[in-house]
PDB file of N, CA and C in Angstrom:
ATOM      1  N   MET A   1      -9.300  -7.985   2.563  1.00  0.00           N
ATOM      2  CA  MET A   1      -8.981  -9.329   2.164  1.00  0.00           C
ATOM      3  C   MET A   1      -8.800  -9.397   0.655  1.00  0.00           C
ATOM      4  N   LYS A   2      -9.566  -8.582  -0.056  1.00  0.00           N
ATOM      5  CA  LYS A   2      -9.371  -8.548  -1.510  1.00  0.00           C
ATOM      6  C   LYS A   2      -7.963  -8.089  -1.856  1.00  0.00           C
ATOM      7  N   GLN A   3      -7.450  -7.113  -1.096  1.00  0.00           N
ATOM      8  CA  GLN A   3      -6.110  -6.607  -1.367  1.00  0.00           C
ATOM      9  C   GLN A   3      -5.061  -7.682  -1.122  1.00  0.00           C
ATOM     10  N   GLY A   4      -5.262  -8.505  -0.096  1.00  0.00           N
ATOM     11  CA  GLY A   4      -4.328  -9.588   0.173  1.00  0.00           C
ATOM     12  C   GLY A   4      -4.287 -10.583  -0.974  1.00  0.00           C
ATOM     13  N   LYS A   5      -5.452 -10.939  -1.475  1.00  0.00           N
ATOM     14  CA  LYS A   5      -5.513 -11.859  -2.610  1.00  0.00           C
ATOM     15  C   LYS A   5      -4.889 -11.226  -3.853  1.00  0.00           C
ATOM     16  N   ARG A   6      -5.168  -9.944  -4.053  1.00  0.00           N
ATOM     17  CA  ARG A   6      -4.610  -9.239  -5.206  1.00  0.00           C
ATOM     18  C   ARG A   6      -3.083  -9.191  -5.123  1.00  0.00           C
ATOM     19  N   ALA A   7      -2.550  -8.983  -3.925  1.00  0.00           N
ATOM     20  CA  ALA A   7      -1.101  -8.930  -3.751  1.00  0.00           C
ATOM     21  C   ALA A   7      -0.464 -10.278  -4.061  1.00  0.00           C
ATOM     22  N   ILE A   8      -1.128 -11.360  -3.687  1.00  0.00           N
ATOM     23  CA  ILE A   8      -0.609 -12.694  -4.001  1.00  0.00           C
ATOM     24  C   ILE A   8      -0.574 -12.899  -5.508  1.00  0.00           C
ATOM     25  N   VAL A   9      -1.617 -12.480  -6.195  1.00  0.00           N
ATOM     26  CA  VAL A   9      -1.655 -12.607  -7.655  1.00  0.00           C
ATOM     27  C   VAL A   9      -0.536 -11.786  -8.282  1.00  0.00           C
ATOM     28  N   MET A  10      -0.339 -10.560  -7.810  1.00  0.00           N
ATOM     29  CA  MET A  10       0.732  -9.714  -8.342  1.00  0.00           C
ATOM     30  C   MET A  10       2.093 -10.324  -8.034  1.00  0.00           C
ATOM     31  N   GLY A  11       2.257 -10.869  -6.824  1.00  0.00           N
ATOM     32  CA  GLY A  11       3.510 -11.512  -6.466  1.00  0.00           C
ATOM     33  C   GLY A  11       3.772 -12.732  -7.315  1.00  0.00           C
ATOM     34  N   ALA A  12       2.706 -13.436  -7.679  1.00  0.00           N
ATOM     35  CA  ALA A  12       2.863 -14.629  -8.507  1.00  0.00           C
ATOM     36  C   ALA A  12       3.400 -14.263  -9.886  1.00  0.00           C
ATOM     37  N   SER A  13       3.006 -13.099 -10.391  1.00  0.00           N
ATOM     38  CA  SER A  13       3.469 -12.703 -11.722  1.00  0.00           C
ATOM     39  C   SER A  13       4.947 -12.330 -11.727  1.00  0.00           C
ATOM     40  N   SER A  14       5.428 -11.772 -10.594  1.00  0.00           N
ATOM     41  CA  SER A  14       6.837 -11.389 -10.530  1.00  0.00           C
ATOM     42  C   SER A  14       7.664 -12.359  -9.681  1.00  0.00           C
ATOM     43  N   GLY A  15       6.988 -13.125  -8.829  1.00  0.00           N
ATOM     44  CA  GLY A  15       7.674 -14.085  -7.977  1.00  0.00           C
ATOM     45  C   GLY A  15       8.178 -13.516  -6.673  1.00  0.00           C
ATOM     46  N   ILE A  16       8.076 -12.184  -6.497  1.00  0.00           N
ATOM     47  CA  ILE A  16       8.543 -11.558  -5.262  1.00  0.00           C
ATOM     48  C   ILE A  16       7.548 -10.497  -4.807  1.00  0.00           C
ATOM     49  N   GLY A  17       7.678 -10.070  -3.554  1.00  0.00           N
ATOM     50  CA  GLY A  17       6.823  -9.000  -3.063  1.00  0.00           C
ATOM     51  C   GLY A  17       6.937  -8.849  -1.554  1.00  0.00           C
ATOM     52  N   HIS A  18       6.233  -7.863  -1.026  1.00  0.00           N
ATOM     53  CA  HIS A  18       6.208  -7.609   0.406  1.00  0.00           C
ATOM     54  C   HIS A  18       4.839  -7.049   0.749  1.00  0.00           C
ATOM     55  N   ILE A  19       4.174  -7.696   1.676  1.00  0.00           N
ATOM     56  CA  ILE A  19       2.865  -7.240   2.143  1.00  0.00           C
ATOM     57  C   ILE A  19       3.016  -6.823   3.598  1.00  0.00           C
ATOM     58  N   ALA A  20       2.632  -5.589   3.907  1.00  0.00           N
ATOM     59  CA  ALA A  20       2.664  -5.094   5.280  1.00  0.00           C
ATOM     60  C   ALA A  20       1.257  -4.671   5.667  1.00  0.00           C
ATOM     61  N   ALA A  21       0.855  -5.018   6.882  1.00  0.00           N
ATOM     62  CA  ALA A  21      -0.479  -4.651   7.359  1.00  0.00           C
ATOM     63  C   ALA A  21      -0.355  -4.113   8.782  1.00  0.00           C
ATOM     64  N   ILE A  22      -1.146  -3.095   9.072  1.00  0.00           N
ATOM     65  CA  ILE A  22      -1.193  -2.557  10.426  1.00  0.00           C
ATOM     66  C   ILE A  22      -2.402  -3.175  11.113  1.00  0.00           C
ATOM     67  N   THR A  23      -2.132  -4.016  12.105  1.00  0.00           N
ATOM     68  CA  THR A  23      -3.211  -4.637  12.866  1.00  0.00           C
ATOM     69  C   THR A  23      -3.209  -3.991  14.251  1.00  0.00           C
ATOM     70  N   SER A  24      -3.066  -4.759  15.309  1.00  0.00           N
ATOM     71  CA  SER A  24      -3.040  -4.192  16.654  1.00  0.00           C
ATOM     72  C   SER A  24      -2.635  -5.261  17.650  1.00  0.00           C
ATOM     73  N   ILE A  25      -2.051  -4.839  18.743  1.00  0.00           N
ATOM     74  CA  ILE A  25      -1.755  -5.763  19.827  1.00  0.00           C
ATOM     75  C   ILE A  25      -3.060  -6.329  20.396  1.00  0.00           C
ATOM     76  N   ALA A  26      -4.165  -5.632  20.164  1.00  0.00           N
ATOM     77  CA  ALA A  26      -5.477  -6.117  20.621  1.00  0.00           C
ATOM     78  C   ALA A  26      -5.852  -7.434  19.954  1.00  0.00           C
ATOM     79  N   GLY A  27      -5.155  -7.784  18.879  1.00  0.00           N
ATOM     80  CA  GLY A  27      -5.395  -9.074  18.237  1.00  0.00           C
ATOM     81  C   GLY A  27      -4.741 -10.229  18.972  1.00  0.00           C
ATOM     82  N   THR A  28      -3.815  -9.931  19.880  1.00  0.00           N
ATOM     83  CA  THR A  28      -3.157 -10.980  20.653  1.00  0.00           C
ATOM     84  C   THR A  28      -3.540 -10.914  22.127  1.00  0.00           C
ATOM     85  N   LYS A  29      -3.933  -9.759  22.576  1.00  0.00           N
ATOM     86  CA  LYS A  29      -4.375  -9.565  23.961  1.00  0.00           C
ATOM     87  C   LYS A  29      -5.671  -8.777  23.899  1.00  0.00           C
ATOM     88  N   GLY A  30      -6.793  -9.441  24.132  1.00  0.00           N
ATOM     89  CA  GLY A  30      -8.105  -8.816  23.979  1.00  0.00           C
ATOM     90  C   GLY A  30      -8.257  -7.510  24.732  1.00  0.00           C
ATOM     91  N   LEU A  31      -9.064  -6.641  24.189  1.00  0.00           N
ATOM     92  CA  LEU A  31      -9.351  -5.329  24.767  1.00  0.00           C
ATOM     93  C   LEU A  31     -10.781  -5.358  25.285  1.00  0.00           C
ATOM     94  N   GLY A  32     -10.948  -5.467  26.592  1.00  0.00           N
ATOM     95  CA  GLY A  32     -12.256  -5.622  27.225  1.00  0.00           C
ATOM     96  C   GLY A  32     -13.331  -4.655  26.780  1.00  0.00           C
ATOM     97  N   PRO A  33     -13.043  -3.350  26.703  1.00  0.00           N
ATOM     98  CA  PRO A  33     -14.081  -2.406  26.289  1.00  0.00           C
ATOM     99  C   PRO A  33     -14.492  -2.543  24.817  1.00  0.00           C
ATOM    100  N   ALA A  34     -13.714  -3.279  24.025  1.00  0.00           N
ATOM    101  CA  ALA A  34     -14.021  -3.386  22.585  1.00  0.00           C
ATOM    102  C   ALA A  34     -13.748  -4.808  22.072  1.00  0.00           C
ATOM    103  N   PRO A  35     -14.558  -5.783  22.482  1.00  0.00           N
ATOM    104  CA  PRO A  35     -14.315  -7.159  22.054  1.00  0.00           C
ATOM    105  C   PRO A  35     -14.409  -7.359  20.548  1.00  0.00           C
ATOM    106  N   SER A  36     -15.284  -6.652  19.879  1.00  0.00           N
ATOM    107  CA  SER A  36     -15.398  -6.791  18.421  1.00  0.00           C
ATOM    108  C   SER A  36     -14.133  -6.302  17.725  1.00  0.00           C
ATOM    109  N   TYR A  37     -13.563  -5.221  18.227  1.00  0.00           N
ATOM    110  CA  TYR A  37     -12.312  -4.698  17.680  1.00  0.00           C
ATOM    111  C   TYR A  37     -11.206  -5.747  17.832  1.00  0.00           C
ATOM    112  N   SER A  38     -11.111  -6.347  19.020  1.00  0.00           N
ATOM    113  CA  SER A  38     -10.099  -7.379  19.257  1.00  0.00           C
ATOM    114  C   SER A  38     -10.295  -8.568  18.316  1.00  0.00           C
ATOM    115  N   ALA A  39     -11.533  -8.985  18.138  1.00  0.00           N
ATOM    116  CA  ALA A  39     -11.815 -10.124  17.257  1.00  0.00           C
ATOM    117  C   ALA A  39     -11.431  -9.814  15.817  1.00  0.00           C
ATOM    118  N   THR A  40     -11.692  -8.595  15.373  1.00  0.00           N
ATOM    119  CA  THR A  40     -11.335  -8.191  14.012  1.00  0.00           C
ATOM    120  C   THR A  40      -9.823  -8.198  13.823  1.00  0.00           C
ATOM    121  N   LYS A  41      -9.104  -7.697  14.800  1.00  0.00           N
ATOM    122  CA  LYS A  41      -7.649  -7.661  14.704  1.00  0.00           C
ATOM    123  C   LYS A  41      -7.062  -9.073  14.749  1.00  0.00           C
ATOM    124  N   THR A  42      -7.656  -9.968  15.527  1.00  0.00           N
ATOM    125  CA  THR A  42      -7.220 -11.364  15.545  1.00  0.00           C
ATOM    126  C   THR A  42      -7.414 -11.989  14.163  1.00  0.00           C
ATOM    127  N   MET A  43      -8.554 -11.699  13.532  1.00  0.00           N
ATOM    128  CA  MET A  43      -8.810 -12.212  12.185  1.00  0.00           C
ATOM    129  C   MET A  43      -7.736 -11.724  11.216  1.00  0.00           C
ATOM    130  N   GLN A  44      -7.353 -10.466  11.325  1.00  0.00           N
ATOM    131  CA  GLN A  44      -6.310  -9.938  10.442  1.00  0.00           C
ATOM    132  C   GLN A  44      -4.982 -10.653  10.663  1.00  0.00           C
ATOM    133  N   ASN A  45      -4.622 -10.895  11.926  1.00  0.00           N
ATOM    134  CA  ASN A  45      -3.375 -11.601  12.241  1.00  0.00           C
ATOM    135  C   ASN A  45      -3.362 -12.988  11.591  1.00  0.00           C
ATOM    136  N   VAL A  46      -4.448 -13.723  11.772  1.00  0.00           N
ATOM    137  CA  VAL A  46      -4.532 -15.093  11.257  1.00  0.00           C
ATOM    138  C   VAL A  46      -4.612 -15.086   9.729  1.00  0.00           C
ATOM    139  N   TYR A  47      -5.301 -14.115   9.169  1.00  0.00           N
ATOM    140  CA  TYR A  47      -5.386 -14.006   7.711  1.00  0.00           C
ATOM    141  C   TYR A  47      -3.995 -13.812   7.101  1.00  0.00           C
ATOM    142  N   LEU A  48      -3.187 -12.956   7.712  1.00  0.00           N
ATOM    143  CA  LEU A  48      -1.826 -12.753   7.210  1.00  0.00           C
ATOM    144  C   LEU A  48      -1.001 -14.031   7.315  1.00  0.00           C
ATOM    145  N   GLN A  49      -1.177 -14.780   8.407  1.00  0.00           N
ATOM    146  CA  GLN A  49      -0.479 -16.059   8.544  1.00  0.00           C
ATOM    147  C   GLN A  49      -0.876 -17.014   7.417  1.00  0.00           C
ATOM    148  N   ALA A  50      -2.166 -17.058   7.122  1.00  0.00           N
ATOM    149  CA  ALA A  50      -2.654 -17.944   6.063  1.00  0.00           C
ATOM    150  C   ALA A  50      -2.142 -17.501   4.692  1.00  0.00           C
ATOM    151  N   LEU A  51      -2.104 -16.189   4.445  1.00  0.00           N
ATOM    152  CA  LEU A  51      -1.566 -15.687   3.171  1.00  0.00           C
ATOM    153  C   LEU A  51      -0.103 -16.075   3.026  1.00  0.00           C
ATOM    154  N   LYS A  52       0.636 -15.992   4.124  1.00  0.00           N
ATOM    155  CA  LYS A  52       2.046 -16.365   4.089  1.00  0.00           C
ATOM    156  C   LYS A  52       2.194 -17.845   3.733  1.00  0.00           C
ATOM    157  N   GLN A  53       1.402 -18.688   4.355  1.00  0.00           N
ATOM    158  CA  GLN A  53       1.436 -20.120   4.054  1.00  0.00           C
ATOM    159  C   GLN A  53       1.067 -20.375   2.593  1.00  0.00           C
ATOM    160  N   HIS A  54       0.065 -19.659   2.126  1.00  0.00           N
ATOM    161  CA  HIS A  54      -0.381 -19.800   0.732  1.00  0.00           C
ATOM    162  C   HIS A  54       0.740 -19.423  -0.232  1.00  0.00           C
ATOM    163  N   ALA A  55       1.399 -18.304   0.050  1.00  0.00           N
ATOM    164  CA  ALA A  55       2.490 -17.853  -0.824  1.00  0.00           C
ATOM    165  C   ALA A  55       3.634 -18.872  -0.813  1.00  0.00           C
ATOM    166  N   ARG A  56       3.976 -19.361   0.367  1.00  0.00           N
ATOM    167  CA  ARG A  56       5.064 -20.345   0.455  1.00  0.00           C
ATOM    168  C   ARG A  56       4.715 -21.625  -0.304  1.00  0.00           C
ATOM    169  N   SER A  57       3.468 -22.070  -0.202  1.00  0.00           N
ATOM    170  CA  SER A  57       3.068 -23.300  -0.882  1.00  0.00           C
ATOM    171  C   SER A  57       3.138 -23.164  -2.399  1.00  0.00           C
ATOM    172  N   ARG A  58       3.057 -21.918  -2.865  1.00  0.00           N
ATOM    173  CA  ARG A  58       3.161 -21.661  -4.309  1.00  0.00           C
ATOM    174  C   ARG A  58       4.585 -21.317  -4.726  1.00  0.00           C
ATOM    175  N   GLY A  59       5.507 -21.351  -3.773  1.00  0.00           N
ATOM    176  CA  GLY A  59       6.915 -21.064  -4.071  1.00  0.00           C
ATOM    177  C   GLY A  59       7.202 -19.602  -4.330  1.00  0.00           C
ATOM    178  N   LEU A  60       6.366 -18.708  -3.801  1.00  0.00           N
ATOM    179  CA  LEU A  60       6.541 -17.272  -4.024  1.00  0.00           C
ATOM    180  C   LEU A  60       7.410 -16.663  -2.930  1.00  0.00           C
ATOM    181  N   ASP A  61       8.266 -15.759  -3.318  1.00  0.00           N
ATOM    182  CA  ASP A  61       9.128 -15.059  -2.373  1.00  0.00           C
ATOM    183  C   ASP A  61       8.455 -13.750  -1.965  1.00  0.00           C
ATOM    184  N   ILE A  62       7.404 -13.888  -1.179  1.00  0.00           N
ATOM    185  CA  ILE A  62       6.658 -12.727  -0.695  1.00  0.00           C
ATOM    186  C   ILE A  62       6.843 -12.659   0.811  1.00  0.00           C
ATOM    187  N   ARG A  63       7.308 -11.509   1.283  1.00  0.00           N
ATOM    188  CA  ARG A  63       7.502 -11.300   2.714  1.00  0.00           C
ATOM    189  C   ARG A  63       6.243 -10.674   3.307  1.00  0.00           C
ATOM    190  N   PHE A  64       6.015 -10.953   4.564  1.00  0.00           N
ATOM    191  CA  PHE A  64       4.846 -10.433   5.262  1.00  0.00           C
ATOM    192  C   PHE A  64       5.288  -9.751   6.548  1.00  0.00           C
ATOM    193  N   THR A  65       4.755  -8.553   6.792  1.00  0.00           N
ATOM    194  CA  THR A  65       5.030  -7.821   8.018  1.00  0.00           C
ATOM    195  C   THR A  65       3.701  -7.462   8.664  1.00  0.00           C
ATOM    196  N   ASP A  66       3.538  -7.880   9.903  1.00  0.00           N
ATOM    197  CA  ASP A  66       2.333  -7.583  10.679  1.00  0.00           C
ATOM    198  C   ASP A  66       2.733  -6.552  11.729  1.00  0.00           C
ATOM    199  N   ILE A  67       2.330  -5.306  11.542  1.00  0.00           N
ATOM    200  CA  ILE A  67       2.671  -4.212  12.452  1.00  0.00           C
ATOM    201  C   ILE A  67       1.575  -4.145  13.509  1.00  0.00           C
ATOM    202  N   ARG A  68       1.941  -4.347  14.775  1.00  0.00           N
ATOM    203  CA  ARG A  68       0.962  -4.409  15.857  1.00  0.00           C
ATOM    204  C   ARG A  68       1.220  -3.318  16.895  1.00  0.00           C
ATOM    205  N   PRO A  69       0.699  -2.113  16.653  1.00  0.00           N
ATOM    206  CA  PRO A  69       0.878  -1.048  17.648  1.00  0.00           C
ATOM    207  C   PRO A  69       0.246  -1.446  18.979  1.00  0.00           C
ATOM    208  N   GLY A  70       0.798  -0.927  20.051  1.00  0.00           N
ATOM    209  CA  GLY A  70       0.280  -1.215  21.386  1.00  0.00           C
ATOM    210  C   GLY A  70      -0.880  -0.308  21.754  1.00  0.00           C
ATOM    211  N   PHE A  71      -1.263  -0.392  23.002  1.00  0.00           N
ATOM    212  CA  PHE A  71      -2.390   0.392  23.492  1.00  0.00           C
ATOM    213  C   PHE A  71      -1.987   1.860  23.670  1.00  0.00           C
ATOM    214  N   VAL A  72      -2.919   2.742  23.360  1.00  0.00           N
ATOM    215  CA  VAL A  72      -2.718   4.179  23.493  1.00  0.00           C
ATOM    216  C   VAL A  72      -3.764   4.696  24.478  1.00  0.00           C
ATOM    217  N   ASP A  73      -3.365   5.590  25.349  1.00  0.00           N
ATOM    218  CA  ASP A  73      -4.260   6.122  26.367  1.00  0.00           C
ATOM    219  C   ASP A  73      -5.322   7.009  25.721  1.00  0.00           C
ATOM    220  N   THR A  74      -6.460   6.404  25.417  1.00  0.00           N
ATOM    221  CA  THR A  74      -7.578   7.116  24.795  1.00  0.00           C
ATOM    222  C   THR A  74      -8.849   6.825  25.590  1.00  0.00           C
ATOM    223  N   ALA A  75      -9.947   7.432  25.179  1.00  0.00           N
ATOM    224  CA  ALA A  75     -11.238   7.197  25.837  1.00  0.00           C
ATOM    225  C   ALA A  75     -11.628   5.725  25.772  1.00  0.00           C
ATOM    226  N   LEU A  76     -11.215   5.023  24.728  1.00  0.00           N
ATOM    227  CA  LEU A  76     -11.544   3.605  24.604  1.00  0.00           C
ATOM    228  C   LEU A  76     -10.989   2.808  25.781  1.00  0.00           C
ATOM    229  N   LEU A  77      -9.764   3.085  26.186  1.00  0.00           N
ATOM    230  CA  LEU A  77      -9.155   2.349  27.291  1.00  0.00           C
ATOM    231  C   LEU A  77      -9.669   2.791  28.652  1.00  0.00           C
ATOM    232  N   SER A  78     -10.065   4.040  28.765  1.00  0.00           N
ATOM    233  CA  SER A  78     -10.506   4.552  30.063  1.00  0.00           C
ATOM    234  C   SER A  78     -11.924   4.132  30.413  1.00  0.00           C
ATOM    235  N   GLY A  79     -12.651   3.598  29.452  1.00  0.00           N
ATOM    236  CA  GLY A  79     -14.039   3.228  29.698  1.00  0.00           C
ATOM    237  C   GLY A  79     -15.008   4.324  29.290  1.00  0.00           C
ATOM    238  N   ASP A  80     -14.524   5.545  29.074  1.00  0.00           N
ATOM    239  CA  ASP A  80     -15.368   6.647  28.635  1.00  0.00           C
ATOM    240  C   ASP A  80     -15.950   6.382  27.258  1.00  0.00           C
ATOM    241  N   PHE A  81     -15.286   5.549  26.489  1.00  0.00           N
ATOM    242  CA  PHE A  81     -15.725   5.247  25.134  1.00  0.00           C
ATOM    243  C   PHE A  81     -17.143   4.704  25.125  1.00  0.00           C
ATOM    244  N   LEU A  82     -17.467   3.826  26.072  1.00  0.00           N
ATOM    245  CA  LEU A  82     -18.791   3.225  26.128  1.00  0.00           C
ATOM    246  C   LEU A  82     -19.862   4.286  26.362  1.00  0.00           C
ATOM    247  N   GLU A  83     -19.581   5.216  27.263  1.00  0.00           N
ATOM    248  CA  GLU A  83     -20.561   6.253  27.551  1.00  0.00           C
ATOM    249  C   GLU A  83     -20.728   7.201  26.381  1.00  0.00           C
ATOM    250  N   VAL A  84     -19.633   7.562  25.724  1.00  0.00           N
ATOM    251  CA  VAL A  84     -19.685   8.534  24.635  1.00  0.00           C
ATOM    252  C   VAL A  84     -20.307   7.954  23.382  1.00  0.00           C
ATOM    253  N   HIS A  85     -19.979   6.710  23.048  1.00  0.00           N
ATOM    254  CA  HIS A  85     -20.356   6.170  21.751  1.00  0.00           C
ATOM    255  C   HIS A  85     -21.538   5.205  21.757  1.00  0.00           C
ATOM    256  N   PHE A  86     -21.932   4.708  22.902  1.00  0.00           N
ATOM    257  CA  PHE A  86     -22.995   3.699  22.905  1.00  0.00           C
ATOM    258  C   PHE A  86     -24.233   4.097  23.681  1.00  0.00           C
ATOM    259  N   LEU A  87     -24.185   5.197  24.416  1.00  0.00           N
ATOM    260  CA  LEU A  87     -25.360   5.590  25.206  1.00  0.00           C
ATOM    261  C   LEU A  87     -26.076   6.750  24.593  1.00  0.00           C
TER     262      LEU A  87
END
């Protein structure tokens, strides 16, 4: 979040910029085995939306890209993650 604020300040000095963040599709469609992960990614999605609104309200030409990779077949999705990492 500090980096987002810093980017807005830098964009304000030049009037332009581009902020890209890698979040996750889990921020829009919860991931049952990892609810905290989903909640964190949702926060990132909404934070970027708010930064965009903030930049627009200040008349800054800063573009925002939210990169949301999809699900990957890993132990987290198979349920093995819970046994390996929490037991």
